[in-house]
Amino acid sequence: MAHDARFVQSGGHTIRVIVEGAGPLVLMVHGWPESWYSWRHQIGPIAQAGYTAAAMDVRGYGGSSKPRPVQAYDMKSLISDVQAVADALGGGKAILIGHDWGAPIVWSSALVDPGRFTAVAGLAIPYSGLGEEPFIDSQQRKQAANGRFFYQVYMQDEGVAETELEADVRGGLRKIYYALSGGAPDNAWPKDKMQGDTLLHRLVDPEVFPSWLTADDIDYFVKEFEGSGFRGPLNRYRNFHRDFEWLSRFGNGTIEQPALFVAGEQDMAFRLFGRQAEDRMRSLMPNLGGFHVLPDCGHWTQQEKPAEVNTLLLAWLKELRSRTARPAAISRTAKRA
């Protein structure tokens, strides 16, 4: 099957969506710093399984609109884009899959709009509900107390991380992708960086990149970010307070839809949530069908381990389809009786 690009209007913005296949909509939402292309290994298999497989560029990235204001990237706005794609390509319904920042986007979408979003899967970042305060507040206090560098605190000041990353897009992306990948040495993302250091300080650009990301793959990501810049992508990190205030309106944070979670065992972002991540998710997601941790896998889950991820996703989608078929079968049997 060949995929093509669709452009969906969301308010005054345009969202680029790469689409393949036909059937119920499975919409994939990427994280930072990536693009629709991070789902390149999933689009074909999901389409072949009988779905409309769609991977969007989140606003600020690639072929989507790139508004300048920080508040244009709050969770409410990003969910409105996901809703617009579901309406345009899925008749108002979609199964969601998200990775990295895409995971909180799809978790939150499922929470606030269960009518549109019938099932949800997240990669790398588990669902933990709202919490008692915006996440950035606790991290800023922690950095102030121990002096240790935390990348999300560094990203709060507009223009600082943008300037660093845009000075050498290729070098910055290579260092970030490598540092958070499975099999990278422990010092690839230095744990002893101090407040005042920069994001890329002491990150390694390897002579030979791991085979899961080819030279052509890196070229694609570099081209996308040379075109888009980093302001929009980084603005996602500057909305913790807006998001907390808005999401606090949606009850206790329980997500009722069928759900799935997959992470890499060596993923530093996943490890931030601790061993209680699964218990927390199961308490908030009564229909969590699986909590899978892949060995020898870092943060870039679906790119590093595409075969394993696809096996889990396709099995989950098959189970969803069998669930929806059961009531119809029961109804036909009752009618004959």
Protein backbone atom coordinates (compact mmCIF):
# COMPACT_ATOMS: atom_id res chain seq x y z
CA MET A 1 0.00 0.00 0.00
CA ALA A 2 1.10 3.56 -0.63
CA HIS A 3 0.44 6.35 1.81
CA ASP A 4 -0.43 9.93 1.03
CA ALA A 5 -0.58 13.25 2.84
CA ARG A 6 -3.88 14.81 3.88
CA PHE A 7 -4.28 18.29 5.30
CA VAL A 8 -6.95 18.69 7.96
CA GLN A 9 -8.27 22.06 9.10
CA SER A 10 -8.40 22.56 12.86
CA GLY A 11 -9.75 25.98 13.70
CA GLY A 12 -7.40 28.35 11.96
CA HIS A 13 -4.61 25.78 11.71
CA THR A 14 -3.65 23.02 9.28
CA ILE A 15 -2.56 19.56 10.39
CA ARG A 16 -0.63 17.31 8.05
CA VAL A 17 -1.60 13.65 8.33
CA ILE A 18 0.04 10.74 6.51
CA VAL A 19 -2.65 8.17 5.68
CA GLU A 20 -2.72 4.61 4.37
CA GLY A 21 -5.44 1.99 4.16
CA ALA A 22 -9.16 1.94 4.83
CA GLY A 23 -11.32 1.03 7.80
CA PRO A 24 -11.63 2.30 11.37
CA LEU A 25 -9.21 5.15 12.06
CA VAL A 26 -6.06 4.44 14.06
CA LEU A 27 -4.42 7.81 14.69
CA MET A 28 -0.77 7.95 15.79
CA VAL A 29 0.64 10.99 17.63
CA HIS A 30 4.40 11.50 17.89
CA GLY A 31 6.53 13.09 20.59
CA TRP A 32 9.56 15.39 20.91
CA PRO A 33 11.65 15.85 18.83
CA GLU A 34 10.08 13.73 16.11
CA SER A 35 7.37 13.81 13.40
CA TRP A 36 4.82 11.55 11.72
CA TYR A 37 7.87 9.73 10.38
CA SER A 38 8.54 8.10 13.74
CA TRP A 39 5.55 5.83 12.93
CA ARG A 40 6.94 4.74 9.54
CA HIS A 41 7.20 1.09 10.69
CA GLN A 42 3.63 0.98 12.03
CA ILE A 43 1.60 2.64 9.25
CA GLY A 44 1.81 -0.21 6.74
CA PRO A 45 1.10 -3.13 9.11
CA ILE A 46 -1.84 -1.33 10.72
CA ALA A 47 -3.28 -0.47 7.30
CA GLN A 48 -2.85 -4.07 6.15
CA ALA A 49 -4.76 -5.22 9.23
CA GLY A 50 -7.84 -3.39 7.94
CA TYR A 51 -7.58 0.12 9.37
CA THR A 52 -7.10 3.65 8.18
CA ALA A 53 -3.61 4.12 9.58
CA ALA A 54 -2.86 7.81 10.11
CA ALA A 55 0.17 9.56 11.58
CA MET A 56 -0.09 13.29 12.16
CA ASP A 57 2.45 16.04 12.51
CA VAL A 58 1.63 17.69 15.83
CA ARG A 59 1.21 21.45 15.41
CA GLY A 60 4.60 23.13 15.38
CA TYR A 61 6.19 20.25 13.48
CA GLY A 62 6.82 19.34 9.86
CA GLY A 63 3.92 20.08 7.55
CA SER A 64 1.50 21.33 10.21
CA SER A 65 0.84 24.94 11.20
CA LYS A 66 3.38 26.59 13.48
CA PRO A 67 1.68 29.30 15.55
CA ARG A 68 4.06 31.38 17.64
CA PRO A 69 2.25 31.93 21.00
CA VAL A 70 3.15 29.59 23.83
CA GLN A 71 -0.51 29.10 24.72
CA ALA A 72 -1.22 27.77 21.22
CA TYR A 73 0.44 24.55 22.38
CA ASP A 74 -1.58 23.89 25.52
CA MET A 75 -3.26 20.50 25.87
CA LYS A 76 -6.69 21.82 25.03
CA SER A 77 -5.42 23.14 21.68
CA LEU A 78 -3.54 19.96 20.81
CA ILE A 79 -6.57 17.83 21.64
CA SER A 80 -8.66 20.01 19.33
CA ASP A 81 -6.28 19.00 16.51
CA VAL A 82 -6.68 15.32 17.35
CA GLN A 83 -10.45 15.78 17.39
CA ALA A 84 -10.36 17.52 14.01
CA VAL A 85 -8.42 14.64 12.46
CA ALA A 86 -10.81 12.10 13.97
CA ASP A 87 -13.75 14.00 12.50
CA ALA A 88 -12.17 14.43 9.07
CA LEU A 89 -10.75 10.94 8.60
CA GLY A 90 -12.65 8.72 11.03
CA GLY A 91 -16.21 9.96 10.93
CA GLY A 92 -15.84 11.31 14.46
CA LYS A 93 -14.21 8.19 15.92
CA ALA A 94 -10.61 7.09 16.39
CA ILE A 95 -8.36 4.66 18.20
CA LEU A 96 -5.36 6.61 19.47
CA ILE A 97 -1.70 5.65 19.84
CA GLY A 98 0.86 8.12 21.20
CA HIS A 99 4.58 8.14 21.97
CA ASP A 100 6.56 10.44 24.30
CA TRP A 101 4.58 13.75 24.41
CA GLY A 102 2.14 12.02 22.11
CA ALA A 103 1.28 9.67 24.98
CA PRO A 104 0.02 12.43 27.34
CA ILE A 105 -1.79 13.94 24.35
CA VAL A 106 -3.68 10.72 23.63
CA TRP A 107 -4.22 9.87 27.33
CA SER A 108 -5.73 13.33 27.83
CA SER A 109 -7.77 13.09 24.62
CA ALA A 110 -9.29 9.81 25.81
CA LEU A 111 -10.02 11.33 29.22
CA VAL A 112 -11.80 14.46 28.01
CA ASP A 113 -13.57 13.00 24.94
CA PRO A 114 -14.52 9.35 25.45
CA GLY A 115 -17.24 9.70 22.83
CA ARG A 116 -14.75 10.24 20.01
CA PHE A 117 -11.85 8.15 21.20
CA THR A 118 -12.80 4.52 21.63
CA ALA A 119 -9.45 3.09 22.75
CA VAL A 120 -6.00 4.43 23.59
CA ALA A 121 -2.41 3.16 23.66
CA GLY A 122 0.65 4.97 24.94
CA LEU A 123 4.35 4.32 24.41
CA ALA A 124 7.18 5.40 26.74
CA ILE A 125 5.20 7.72 29.04
CA PRO A 126 2.71 5.98 31.38
CA TYR A 127 -0.56 7.55 32.45
CA SER A 128 -0.39 8.88 35.99
CA GLY A 129 -3.38 11.20 36.22
CA LEU A 130 -3.22 14.84 37.10
CA GLY A 131 -1.20 14.80 40.32
CA GLU A 132 -1.35 17.35 43.12
CA GLU A 133 0.40 20.18 41.27
CA PRO A 134 1.88 20.98 37.85
CA PHE A 135 4.84 18.65 37.24
CA ILE A 136 7.20 21.52 36.49
CA ASP A 137 6.70 23.03 39.95
CA SER A 138 8.15 20.02 41.76
CA GLN A 139 11.04 19.81 39.30
CA GLN A 140 11.90 23.48 39.68
CA ARG A 141 11.97 23.09 43.48
CA LYS A 142 14.13 19.99 43.18
CA GLN A 143 16.61 21.72 40.87
CA ALA A 144 16.77 24.73 43.17
CA ALA A 145 17.50 22.44 46.13
CA ASN A 146 20.10 20.11 44.63
CA GLY A 147 21.48 22.19 41.76
CA ARG A 148 21.10 19.32 39.30
CA PHE A 149 20.20 20.05 35.69
CA PHE A 150 16.72 19.01 34.56
CA TYR A 151 16.01 19.45 30.88
CA GLN A 152 12.37 20.52 31.25
CA VAL A 153 13.34 23.34 33.60
CA TYR A 154 15.98 24.44 31.09
CA MET A 155 13.31 24.58 28.39
CA GLN A 156 11.06 27.02 30.27
CA ASP A 157 12.80 30.19 29.08
CA GLU A 158 11.71 31.07 25.56
CA GLY A 159 14.49 31.17 23.01
CA VAL A 160 17.24 29.52 25.06
CA ALA A 161 16.87 25.88 23.99
CA GLU A 162 15.73 27.01 20.53
CA THR A 163 19.00 28.87 19.96
CA GLU A 164 21.09 25.93 21.13
CA LEU A 165 19.29 23.33 19.01
CA GLU A 166 18.92 25.41 15.85
CA ALA A 167 22.65 26.22 15.81
CA ASP A 168 23.33 22.62 14.73
CA VAL A 169 20.12 20.75 13.99
CA ARG A 170 21.81 17.57 12.80
CA GLY A 171 24.27 17.38 15.67
CA GLY A 172 21.61 18.12 18.28
CA LEU A 173 19.16 15.53 16.99
CA ARG A 174 21.84 12.86 16.66
CA LYS A 175 22.97 13.45 20.24
CA ILE A 176 19.44 13.36 21.67
CA TYR A 177 18.38 10.28 19.68
CA TYR A 178 21.54 8.43 20.67
CA ALA A 179 21.60 9.42 24.33
CA LEU A 180 18.09 8.10 24.98
CA SER A 181 18.37 4.94 22.88
CA GLY A 182 18.75 1.41 24.15
CA GLY A 183 22.33 0.21 24.27
CA ALA A 184 23.83 3.69 24.65
CA PRO A 185 26.45 3.84 27.42
CA ASP A 186 25.37 5.12 30.82
CA ASN A 187 27.14 8.45 30.32
CA ALA A 188 25.41 9.17 26.99
CA TRP A 189 22.92 11.31 28.96
CA PRO A 190 25.08 12.61 31.83
CA LYS A 191 23.33 12.30 35.18
CA ASP A 192 25.66 14.72 36.95
CA LYS A 193 24.93 17.82 34.87
CA MET A 194 24.37 20.91 36.98
CA GLN A 195 22.04 23.88 36.80
CA GLY A 196 23.60 26.31 34.32
CA ASP A 197 24.62 23.54 31.90
CA THR A 198 22.91 23.38 28.52
CA LEU A 199 20.78 20.62 27.04
CA LEU A 200 23.48 19.26 24.72
CA HIS A 201 26.40 19.76 27.12
CA ARG A 202 28.50 16.55 27.15
CA LEU A 203 26.05 14.59 25.01
CA VAL A 204 27.83 12.25 22.59
CA ASP A 205 27.51 12.21 18.81
CA PRO A 206 28.58 8.65 17.97
CA GLU A 207 30.73 7.87 14.97
CA VAL A 208 28.48 4.92 14.16
CA PHE A 209 24.77 5.33 14.88
CA PRO A 210 22.68 2.35 16.03
CA SER A 211 21.14 0.49 13.11
CA TRP A 212 17.52 1.29 14.05
CA LEU A 213 17.99 4.84 12.70
CA THR A 214 19.55 4.98 9.26
CA ALA A 215 21.33 7.88 7.61
CA ASP A 216 18.22 8.47 5.47
CA ASP A 217 16.03 8.49 8.59
CA ILE A 218 18.25 11.10 10.23
CA ASP A 219 18.24 13.15 7.03
CA TYR A 220 14.43 13.23 7.08
CA PHE A 221 14.21 14.41 10.68
CA VAL A 222 16.92 17.02 10.10
CA LYS A 223 15.12 18.39 7.05
CA GLU A 224 11.85 18.66 8.98
CA PHE A 225 13.41 20.58 11.87
CA GLU A 226 15.49 22.82 9.65
CA GLY A 227 12.17 23.83 8.13
CA SER A 228 10.11 24.13 11.31
CA GLY A 229 12.60 25.25 13.91
CA PHE A 230 12.14 24.26 17.55
CA ARG A 231 9.94 26.97 19.03
CA GLY A 232 6.62 25.18 18.52
CA PRO A 233 7.91 21.80 19.71
CA LEU A 234 9.49 23.38 22.81
CA ASN A 235 6.35 25.37 23.62
CA ARG A 236 4.72 22.06 24.64
CA TYR A 237 6.96 22.17 27.75
CA ARG A 238 5.76 25.67 28.66
CA ASN A 239 2.11 24.87 29.32
CA PHE A 240 2.17 22.82 32.51
CA HIS A 241 0.14 25.37 34.47
CA ARG A 242 -2.48 25.88 31.74
CA ASP A 243 -2.80 22.14 31.28
CA PHE A 244 -3.13 21.48 35.00
CA GLU A 245 -5.88 24.05 35.41
CA TRP A 246 -7.85 22.78 32.41
CA LEU A 247 -7.47 19.04 33.03
CA SER A 248 -8.45 19.43 36.67
CA ARG A 249 -12.02 19.91 35.42
CA PHE A 250 -12.29 16.29 34.32
CA GLY A 251 -13.00 14.42 37.52
CA ASN A 252 -10.59 11.96 39.09
CA GLY A 253 -8.77 11.23 35.85
CA THR A 254 -10.12 7.72 35.26
CA ILE A 255 -9.93 6.55 31.63
CA GLU A 256 -12.55 3.88 30.96
CA GLN A 257 -11.71 2.95 27.37
CA PRO A 258 -9.62 -0.13 26.49
CA ALA A 259 -5.96 0.80 26.84
CA LEU A 260 -2.44 -0.50 26.27
CA PHE A 261 1.03 0.59 27.39
CA VAL A 262 4.47 -0.26 26.00
CA ALA A 263 7.87 1.05 27.13
CA GLY A 264 11.56 0.26 26.81
CA GLU A 265 13.35 -1.18 29.80
CA GLN A 266 16.28 1.20 29.27
CA ASP A 267 14.14 4.29 28.73
CA MET A 268 15.22 7.05 31.11
CA ALA A 269 11.91 8.86 30.69
CA PHE A 270 9.95 5.73 31.65
CA ARG A 271 12.19 5.16 34.66
CA LEU A 272 11.30 8.61 36.02
CA PHE A 273 7.87 7.21 36.92
CA GLY A 274 9.27 4.48 39.15
CA ARG A 275 8.20 0.91 39.81
CA GLN A 276 4.72 2.00 40.87
CA ALA A 277 3.86 3.16 37.33
CA GLU A 278 1.88 0.03 36.48
CA ASP A 279 -0.09 0.03 39.74
CA ARG A 280 -0.92 3.70 39.23
CA MET A 281 -2.09 3.08 35.67
CA ARG A 282 -4.25 0.12 36.63
CA SER A 283 -5.91 2.16 39.35
CA LEU A 284 -6.86 4.84 36.81
CA MET A 285 -7.49 2.60 33.78
CA PRO A 286 -9.80 -0.30 34.65
CA ASN A 287 -9.56 -1.60 31.06
CA LEU A 288 -5.76 -1.53 30.72
CA GLY A 289 -5.19 -4.61 28.60
CA GLY A 290 -1.42 -4.80 28.90
CA PHE A 291 1.62 -3.13 30.48
CA HIS A 292 4.64 -4.23 28.44
CA VAL A 293 8.31 -3.42 29.07
CA LEU A 294 10.62 -4.37 26.20
CA PRO A 295 14.19 -5.46 27.02
CA ASP A 296 17.14 -3.81 25.27
CA CYS A 297 14.97 -0.88 24.26
CA GLY A 298 15.38 2.80 25.03
CA HIS A 299 13.06 5.76 24.61
CA TRP A 300 12.32 5.55 20.87
CA THR A 301 10.10 2.51 21.39
CA GLN A 302 8.38 1.99 18.03
CA GLN A 303 11.51 2.88 16.07
CA GLU A 304 13.96 0.78 18.09
CA LYS A 305 11.75 -2.30 18.33
CA PRO A 306 9.24 -2.07 15.47
CA ALA A 307 8.56 -5.80 15.16
CA GLU A 308 7.87 -6.22 18.87
CA VAL A 309 5.76 -3.07 19.07
CA ASN A 310 3.78 -4.03 15.98
CA THR A 311 3.06 -7.48 17.38
CA LEU A 312 1.65 -5.94 20.56
CA LEU A 313 -0.34 -3.24 18.77
CA LEU A 314 -1.85 -5.61 16.20
CA ALA A 315 -2.84 -8.13 18.86
CA TRP A 316 -4.49 -5.33 20.84
CA LEU A 317 -6.32 -4.02 17.78
CA LYS A 318 -7.50 -7.55 16.99
CA GLU A 319 -8.88 -7.87 20.51
CA LEU A 320 -10.64 -4.50 20.19
CA ARG A 321 -12.24 -5.65 16.95
CA SER A 322 -13.42 -8.89 18.53
CA ARG A 323 -14.95 -6.93 21.41
CA THR A 324 -16.99 -4.76 19.07
CA ALA A 325 -18.15 -7.80 17.08
CA ARG A 326 -19.51 -9.65 20.12
CA PRO A 327 -22.61 -7.51 20.79
CA ALA A 328 -23.64 -7.71 17.13
CA ALA A 329 -23.32 -11.51 17.16
CA ILE A 330 -25.35 -11.74 20.36
CA SER A 331 -28.01 -9.45 18.88
CA ARG A 332 -28.35 -11.59 15.72
CA THR A 333 -28.66 -14.74 17.79
CA ALA A 334 -31.37 -13.17 19.94
CA LYS A 335 -33.24 -12.01 16.85
CA ARG A 336 -33.29 -15.53 15.36
CA ALA A 337 -34.52 -16.94 18.67
